[in-house]
């Protein structure tokens, strides 16, 4: 049973989630209810952190001395290793969903926008044993 199926079964018309809220926010609210009850179909530790997200977080840690990840048309890059880029959606999820990265410089995208690692991101990498 997937989270989408659980979502469809458990969100009746009179649920506490207003209909104007995005589907991602509905799923996030539903996870907050189902996770403590042990009803999620996957391990509750952190199912949304993918290897690509962890690589982007590690790159942000590496780029911390240079001011954070820089935006390019291809995606977010570490200034010292410009051949590896990290997709905009992955970095956006690390900023808004997890709070592991923060916006610095110009807001949004552009030459002056940066993404820097937060204390929560550093703690996550230390807990995973991935911090270099």
N, C-alpha and C. Protein backbone atom coordinates (compact mmCIF):
# COMPACT_ATOMS: atom_id res chain seq x y z
N UNK A 1 0.85 -1.17 0.00
CA UNK A 1 0.00 0.00 0.00
C UNK A 1 0.90 1.24 0.00
N UNK A 2 0.72 2.09 -0.93
CA UNK A 2 1.58 3.27 -1.01
C UNK A 2 0.97 4.43 -0.24
N UNK A 3 1.77 5.46 -0.06
CA UNK A 3 1.30 6.65 0.67
C UNK A 3 0.16 7.33 -0.08
N UNK A 4 0.16 7.21 -1.41
CA UNK A 4 -0.92 7.81 -2.19
C UNK A 4 -2.23 7.10 -1.89
N UNK A 5 -2.17 5.78 -1.78
CA UNK A 5 -3.38 5.02 -1.46
C UNK A 5 -3.87 5.37 -0.06
N UNK A 6 -2.95 5.43 0.89
CA UNK A 6 -3.33 5.81 2.25
C UNK A 6 -3.93 7.21 2.25
N UNK A 7 -3.32 8.09 1.48
CA UNK A 7 -3.80 9.47 1.39
C UNK A 7 -5.22 9.50 0.86
N UNK A 8 -5.49 8.73 -0.19
CA UNK A 8 -6.82 8.74 -0.79
C UNK A 8 -7.85 8.14 0.17
N UNK A 9 -7.47 7.13 0.92
CA UNK A 9 -8.41 6.49 1.82
C UNK A 9 -8.67 7.30 3.08
N UNK A 10 -7.67 8.07 3.51
CA UNK A 10 -7.80 8.71 4.81
C UNK A 10 -8.16 10.19 4.76
N UNK A 11 -8.42 10.73 3.61
CA UNK A 11 -8.76 12.15 3.51
C UNK A 11 -10.20 12.31 3.04
N UNK A 12 -11.14 12.15 3.94
CA UNK A 12 -12.53 12.34 3.53
C UNK A 12 -12.82 13.81 3.24
N UNK A 13 -13.99 14.07 2.74
CA UNK A 13 -14.36 15.43 2.32
C UNK A 13 -14.27 16.43 3.46
N UNK A 14 -14.55 16.06 4.67
CA UNK A 14 -14.54 17.00 5.79
C UNK A 14 -13.25 16.98 6.59
N UNK A 15 -12.15 16.57 6.00
CA UNK A 15 -10.88 16.46 6.73
C UNK A 15 -10.37 17.84 7.13
N UNK A 16 -9.37 17.86 8.02
CA UNK A 16 -8.86 19.12 8.54
C UNK A 16 -7.96 19.86 7.55
N UNK A 17 -7.71 19.30 6.38
CA UNK A 17 -6.87 19.95 5.38
C UNK A 17 -7.75 20.71 4.41
N UNK A 18 -7.62 22.02 4.34
CA UNK A 18 -8.43 22.80 3.40
C UNK A 18 -8.14 22.39 1.96
N UNK A 19 -9.12 22.46 1.08
CA UNK A 19 -8.94 21.99 -0.30
C UNK A 19 -7.96 22.82 -1.12
N UNK A 20 -7.64 24.03 -0.71
CA UNK A 20 -6.74 24.87 -1.49
C UNK A 20 -5.27 24.59 -1.25
N UNK A 21 -4.95 23.68 -0.35
CA UNK A 21 -3.55 23.39 -0.03
C UNK A 21 -2.98 22.42 -1.06
N UNK A 22 -1.72 22.63 -1.42
CA UNK A 22 -1.07 21.79 -2.42
C UNK A 22 -1.01 20.34 -1.95
N UNK A 23 -0.89 19.43 -2.92
CA UNK A 23 -0.85 18.00 -2.61
C UNK A 23 0.35 17.65 -1.74
N UNK A 24 1.50 18.29 -1.97
CA UNK A 24 2.69 18.00 -1.17
C UNK A 24 2.46 18.37 0.29
N UNK A 25 1.77 19.48 0.54
CA UNK A 25 1.48 19.88 1.91
C UNK A 25 0.49 18.92 2.56
N UNK A 26 -0.45 18.43 1.79
CA UNK A 26 -1.39 17.45 2.32
C UNK A 26 -0.66 16.18 2.73
N UNK A 27 0.25 15.71 1.85
CA UNK A 27 1.01 14.50 2.18
C UNK A 27 1.87 14.72 3.42
N UNK A 28 2.48 15.90 3.55
CA UNK A 28 3.32 16.19 4.70
C UNK A 28 2.48 16.19 5.99
N UNK A 29 1.30 16.78 5.95
CA UNK A 29 0.42 16.79 7.12
C UNK A 29 -0.03 15.37 7.47
N UNK A 30 -0.30 14.59 6.43
CA UNK A 30 -0.74 13.23 6.66
C UNK A 30 0.37 12.40 7.30
N UNK A 31 1.62 12.60 6.85
CA UNK A 31 2.75 11.88 7.43
C UNK A 31 2.91 12.20 8.91
N UNK A 32 2.65 13.47 9.29
CA UNK A 32 2.76 13.84 10.69
C UNK A 32 1.75 13.09 11.55
N UNK A 33 0.61 12.73 10.96
CA UNK A 33 -0.41 12.00 11.70
C UNK A 33 -0.10 10.51 11.71
N UNK A 34 0.32 9.96 10.56
CA UNK A 34 0.51 8.52 10.44
C UNK A 34 1.82 8.01 11.04
N UNK A 35 2.88 8.83 11.01
CA UNK A 35 4.19 8.36 11.48
C UNK A 35 4.18 7.97 12.96
N UNK A 36 3.62 8.80 13.87
CA UNK A 36 3.62 8.39 15.28
C UNK A 36 2.80 7.13 15.53
N UNK A 37 1.80 6.88 14.70
CA UNK A 37 0.96 5.69 14.89
C UNK A 37 1.59 4.45 14.27
N UNK A 38 2.71 4.60 13.54
CA UNK A 38 3.37 3.47 12.91
C UNK A 38 2.64 2.95 11.69
N UNK A 39 1.88 3.79 11.02
CA UNK A 39 1.08 3.36 9.88
C UNK A 39 1.71 3.66 8.53
N UNK A 40 2.93 4.19 8.51
CA UNK A 40 3.57 4.47 7.23
C UNK A 40 4.11 3.18 6.62
N UNK A 41 4.02 3.02 5.29
CA UNK A 41 4.48 1.78 4.66
C UNK A 41 5.99 1.71 4.47
N UNK A 42 6.75 2.67 4.97
CA UNK A 42 8.20 2.67 4.85
C UNK A 42 8.80 3.08 6.19
N UNK A 43 10.09 2.85 6.40
CA UNK A 43 10.69 3.22 7.69
C UNK A 43 10.56 4.71 7.97
N UNK A 44 10.24 5.10 9.19
CA UNK A 44 9.99 6.51 9.49
C UNK A 44 11.23 7.36 9.69
N UNK A 45 12.47 6.78 9.64
CA UNK A 45 13.64 7.58 10.00
C UNK A 45 13.77 8.82 9.12
N UNK A 46 13.87 8.68 7.82
CA UNK A 46 13.87 9.82 6.92
C UNK A 46 13.73 9.31 5.49
N UNK A 47 12.52 8.97 5.08
CA UNK A 47 12.33 8.33 3.78
C UNK A 47 12.58 9.25 2.60
N UNK A 48 12.60 10.54 2.82
CA UNK A 48 12.70 11.45 1.69
C UNK A 48 14.12 11.85 1.36
N UNK A 49 15.10 11.54 2.19
CA UNK A 49 16.48 11.90 1.88
C UNK A 49 17.06 10.88 0.91
N UNK A 50 17.21 11.28 -0.33
CA UNK A 50 17.75 10.41 -1.36
C UNK A 50 19.26 10.57 -1.43
N UNK A 51 19.96 9.66 -2.11
CA UNK A 51 21.41 9.82 -2.26
C UNK A 51 21.80 11.13 -2.96
N UNK A 52 20.98 11.58 -3.89
CA UNK A 52 21.27 12.86 -4.57
C UNK A 52 21.15 14.03 -3.59
N UNK A 53 20.18 13.95 -2.69
CA UNK A 53 20.04 15.02 -1.70
C UNK A 53 21.21 15.01 -0.73
N UNK A 54 21.66 13.82 -0.35
CA UNK A 54 22.81 13.74 0.54
C UNK A 54 24.07 14.25 -0.15
N UNK A 55 24.21 13.98 -1.46
CA UNK A 55 25.36 14.49 -2.21
C UNK A 55 25.32 16.02 -2.28
N UNK A 56 24.14 16.58 -2.48
CA UNK A 56 24.01 18.04 -2.53
C UNK A 56 24.31 18.66 -1.16
N UNK A 57 23.90 17.98 -0.11
CA UNK A 57 24.18 18.47 1.24
C UNK A 57 25.68 18.43 1.54
N UNK A 58 26.33 17.35 1.10
CA UNK A 58 27.78 17.24 1.28
C UNK A 58 28.50 18.32 0.46
N UNK A 59 28.01 18.60 -0.75
CA UNK A 59 28.61 19.65 -1.58
C UNK A 59 28.44 21.02 -0.92
N UNK A 60 27.30 21.24 -0.28
CA UNK A 60 27.09 22.51 0.43
C UNK A 60 28.06 22.64 1.60
N UNK A 61 28.34 21.53 2.26
CA UNK A 61 29.32 21.57 3.35
C UNK A 61 30.71 21.87 2.80
N UNK A 62 31.05 21.25 1.66
CA UNK A 62 32.35 21.50 1.04
C UNK A 62 32.47 22.94 0.55
N UNK A 63 31.35 23.52 0.11
CA UNK A 63 31.36 24.89 -0.44
C UNK A 63 31.19 25.95 0.63
N UNK A 64 31.10 25.55 1.88
CA UNK A 64 30.84 26.50 2.96
C UNK A 64 31.94 27.57 3.06
N UNK A 65 33.18 27.20 2.83
CA UNK A 65 34.28 28.16 2.91
C UNK A 65 34.23 29.18 1.78
N UNK A 66 33.64 28.80 0.63
CA UNK A 66 33.54 29.73 -0.51
C UNK A 66 32.22 30.49 -0.54
N UNK A 67 31.40 30.33 0.47
CA UNK A 67 30.15 31.09 0.52
C UNK A 67 28.92 30.29 0.16
N UNK A 68 29.03 28.99 -0.06
CA UNK A 68 27.87 28.15 -0.34
C UNK A 68 27.76 27.77 -1.80
N UNK A 69 26.70 27.04 -2.11
CA UNK A 69 26.45 26.61 -3.48
C UNK A 69 26.05 27.81 -4.34
N UNK A 70 26.53 27.85 -5.58
CA UNK A 70 26.22 28.93 -6.52
C UNK A 70 25.20 28.44 -7.53
N UNK A 71 24.36 29.35 -8.01
CA UNK A 71 23.36 28.99 -9.01
C UNK A 71 23.93 29.17 -10.42
N UNK A 72 23.70 28.17 -11.27
CA UNK A 72 23.97 28.28 -12.70
C UNK A 72 22.74 27.79 -13.43
N UNK A 73 22.75 27.91 -14.75
CA UNK A 73 21.61 27.45 -15.53
C UNK A 73 21.42 25.94 -15.38
N UNK A 74 22.52 25.21 -15.23
CA UNK A 74 22.44 23.75 -15.11
C UNK A 74 21.93 23.31 -13.74
N UNK A 75 22.13 24.10 -12.73
CA UNK A 75 21.73 23.75 -11.37
C UNK A 75 22.65 24.42 -10.38
N UNK A 76 22.69 23.91 -9.17
CA UNK A 76 23.52 24.48 -8.11
C UNK A 76 24.86 23.77 -8.11
N UNK A 77 25.96 24.53 -8.03
CA UNK A 77 27.29 23.94 -8.06
C UNK A 77 28.10 24.41 -6.86
N UNK A 78 29.10 23.60 -6.53
CA UNK A 78 30.10 23.98 -5.54
C UNK A 78 31.17 24.76 -6.29
N UNK A 79 31.57 25.95 -5.84
CA UNK A 79 32.55 26.74 -6.58
C UNK A 79 33.89 26.03 -6.81
N UNK A 80 34.28 25.14 -5.90
CA UNK A 80 35.56 24.45 -6.07
C UNK A 80 35.45 23.23 -6.98
N UNK A 81 34.24 22.73 -7.23
CA UNK A 81 34.04 21.56 -8.09
C UNK A 81 32.89 21.85 -9.03
N UNK A 82 33.16 22.63 -10.06
CA UNK A 82 32.07 23.12 -10.91
C UNK A 82 31.58 22.09 -11.92
N UNK A 83 32.14 20.88 -11.94
CA UNK A 83 31.67 19.87 -12.89
C UNK A 83 30.52 19.06 -12.34
N UNK A 84 30.29 19.12 -11.05
CA UNK A 84 29.16 18.40 -10.45
C UNK A 84 28.09 19.41 -10.10
N UNK A 85 26.91 19.24 -10.66
CA UNK A 85 25.82 20.15 -10.32
C UNK A 85 24.72 19.38 -9.63
N UNK A 86 23.91 20.09 -8.89
CA UNK A 86 22.81 19.50 -8.13
C UNK A 86 21.53 20.19 -8.57
N UNK A 87 20.55 19.40 -8.92
CA UNK A 87 19.33 19.91 -9.50
C UNK A 87 18.59 20.91 -8.63
N UNK A 88 17.89 21.84 -9.27
CA UNK A 88 17.18 22.87 -8.52
C UNK A 88 16.09 22.31 -7.60
N UNK A 89 15.43 21.24 -8.00
CA UNK A 89 14.37 20.67 -7.16
C UNK A 89 14.97 20.03 -5.91
N UNK A 90 16.09 19.36 -6.07
CA UNK A 90 16.74 18.74 -4.92
C UNK A 90 17.16 19.79 -3.91
N UNK A 91 17.79 20.86 -4.38
CA UNK A 91 18.23 21.93 -3.47
C UNK A 91 17.03 22.63 -2.85
N UNK A 92 15.98 22.83 -3.63
CA UNK A 92 14.76 23.46 -3.11
C UNK A 92 14.16 22.63 -1.98
N UNK A 93 14.14 21.31 -2.13
CA UNK A 93 13.60 20.45 -1.08
C UNK A 93 14.48 20.48 0.17
N UNK A 94 15.80 20.60 -0.02
CA UNK A 94 16.69 20.70 1.14
C UNK A 94 16.48 22.01 1.89
N UNK A 95 16.08 23.07 1.16
CA UNK A 95 15.84 24.37 1.79
C UNK A 95 14.48 24.37 2.49
N UNK A 96 13.43 24.04 1.76
CA UNK A 96 12.07 24.24 2.28
C UNK A 96 11.51 23.05 3.05
N UNK A 97 11.77 21.82 2.62
CA UNK A 97 11.19 20.67 3.30
C UNK A 97 11.99 20.25 4.53
N UNK A 98 13.31 20.27 4.43
CA UNK A 98 14.14 19.76 5.51
C UNK A 98 14.79 20.86 6.35
N UNK A 99 15.04 22.01 5.76
CA UNK A 99 15.71 23.08 6.48
C UNK A 99 17.21 22.85 6.63
N UNK A 100 17.78 21.97 5.80
CA UNK A 100 19.21 21.68 5.87
C UNK A 100 20.05 22.72 5.15
N UNK A 101 19.46 23.46 4.22
CA UNK A 101 20.14 24.55 3.53
C UNK A 101 19.34 25.82 3.74
N UNK A 102 20.03 26.95 3.65
CA UNK A 102 19.36 28.25 3.81
C UNK A 102 19.72 29.13 2.62
N UNK A 103 18.81 30.05 2.31
CA UNK A 103 19.06 31.01 1.23
C UNK A 103 19.98 32.10 1.74
N UNK A 104 20.97 32.45 0.93
CA UNK A 104 21.88 33.54 1.27
C UNK A 104 22.06 34.37 0.02
N UNK A 105 22.39 35.63 0.19
CA UNK A 105 22.53 36.49 -0.98
C UNK A 105 21.17 36.84 -1.54
N UNK A 106 21.09 36.93 -2.85
CA UNK A 106 19.84 37.28 -3.52
C UNK A 106 18.83 36.15 -3.38
N UNK A 107 17.60 36.49 -3.12
CA UNK A 107 16.55 35.47 -3.00
C UNK A 107 16.20 34.93 -4.38
N UNK A 108 15.91 33.66 -4.45
CA UNK A 108 15.55 33.04 -5.72
C UNK A 108 16.76 32.54 -6.47
N UNK A 109 16.77 32.77 -7.78
CA UNK A 109 17.88 32.31 -8.60
C UNK A 109 18.57 33.50 -9.22
N UNK A 110 19.80 33.32 -9.58
CA UNK A 110 20.56 34.39 -10.21
C UNK A 110 22.00 34.37 -9.77
N UNK A 111 22.81 35.25 -10.34
CA UNK A 111 24.24 35.20 -10.06
C UNK A 111 24.62 35.50 -8.61
N UNK A 112 23.81 36.22 -7.88
CA UNK A 112 24.16 36.54 -6.50
C UNK A 112 23.48 35.63 -5.48
N UNK A 113 22.74 34.63 -5.92
CA UNK A 113 22.05 33.78 -4.96
C UNK A 113 22.94 32.61 -4.55
N UNK A 114 22.88 32.27 -3.29
CA UNK A 114 23.68 31.18 -2.73
C UNK A 114 22.80 30.33 -1.82
N UNK A 115 23.23 29.11 -1.61
CA UNK A 115 22.60 28.23 -0.63
C UNK A 115 23.70 27.74 0.31
N UNK A 116 23.52 27.99 1.59
CA UNK A 116 24.52 27.61 2.59
C UNK A 116 23.93 26.55 3.52
N UNK A 117 24.80 25.74 4.07
CA UNK A 117 24.36 24.66 4.96
C UNK A 117 24.03 25.25 6.34
N UNK A 118 23.00 24.70 6.96
CA UNK A 118 22.59 25.14 8.29
C UNK A 118 23.15 24.18 9.34
N UNK A 119 22.93 24.52 10.60
CA UNK A 119 23.38 23.64 11.69
C UNK A 119 22.65 22.30 11.64
N UNK A 120 21.38 22.32 11.23
CA UNK A 120 20.63 21.07 11.11
C UNK A 120 21.23 20.18 10.02
N UNK A 121 21.67 20.78 8.92
CA UNK A 121 22.32 20.02 7.86
C UNK A 121 23.63 19.42 8.31
N UNK A 122 24.41 20.19 9.05
CA UNK A 122 25.67 19.67 9.59
C UNK A 122 25.41 18.51 10.55
N UNK A 123 24.41 18.67 11.40
CA UNK A 123 24.07 17.61 12.36
C UNK A 123 23.62 16.34 11.63
N UNK A 124 22.86 16.50 10.55
CA UNK A 124 22.41 15.34 9.78
C UNK A 124 23.60 14.60 9.19
N UNK A 125 24.54 15.35 8.59
CA UNK A 125 25.72 14.71 8.00
C UNK A 125 26.58 14.03 9.06
N UNK A 126 26.72 14.65 10.22
CA UNK A 126 27.49 14.02 11.29
C UNK A 126 26.82 12.74 11.78
N UNK A 127 25.49 12.76 11.87
CA UNK A 127 24.76 11.57 12.31
C UNK A 127 24.87 10.44 11.29
N UNK A 128 24.90 10.79 10.00
CA UNK A 128 25.04 9.79 8.95
C UNK A 128 26.49 9.34 8.79
N UNK A 129 27.42 10.08 9.36
CA UNK A 129 28.83 9.74 9.22
C UNK A 129 29.42 10.18 7.90
N UNK A 130 28.73 11.09 7.20
CA UNK A 130 29.18 11.50 5.88
C UNK A 130 29.96 12.79 5.86
N UNK A 131 30.08 13.47 6.98
CA UNK A 131 30.80 14.75 6.99
C UNK A 131 32.29 14.50 6.87
N UNK A 132 32.90 15.20 5.92
CA UNK A 132 34.35 15.06 5.72
C UNK A 132 35.07 16.14 6.44
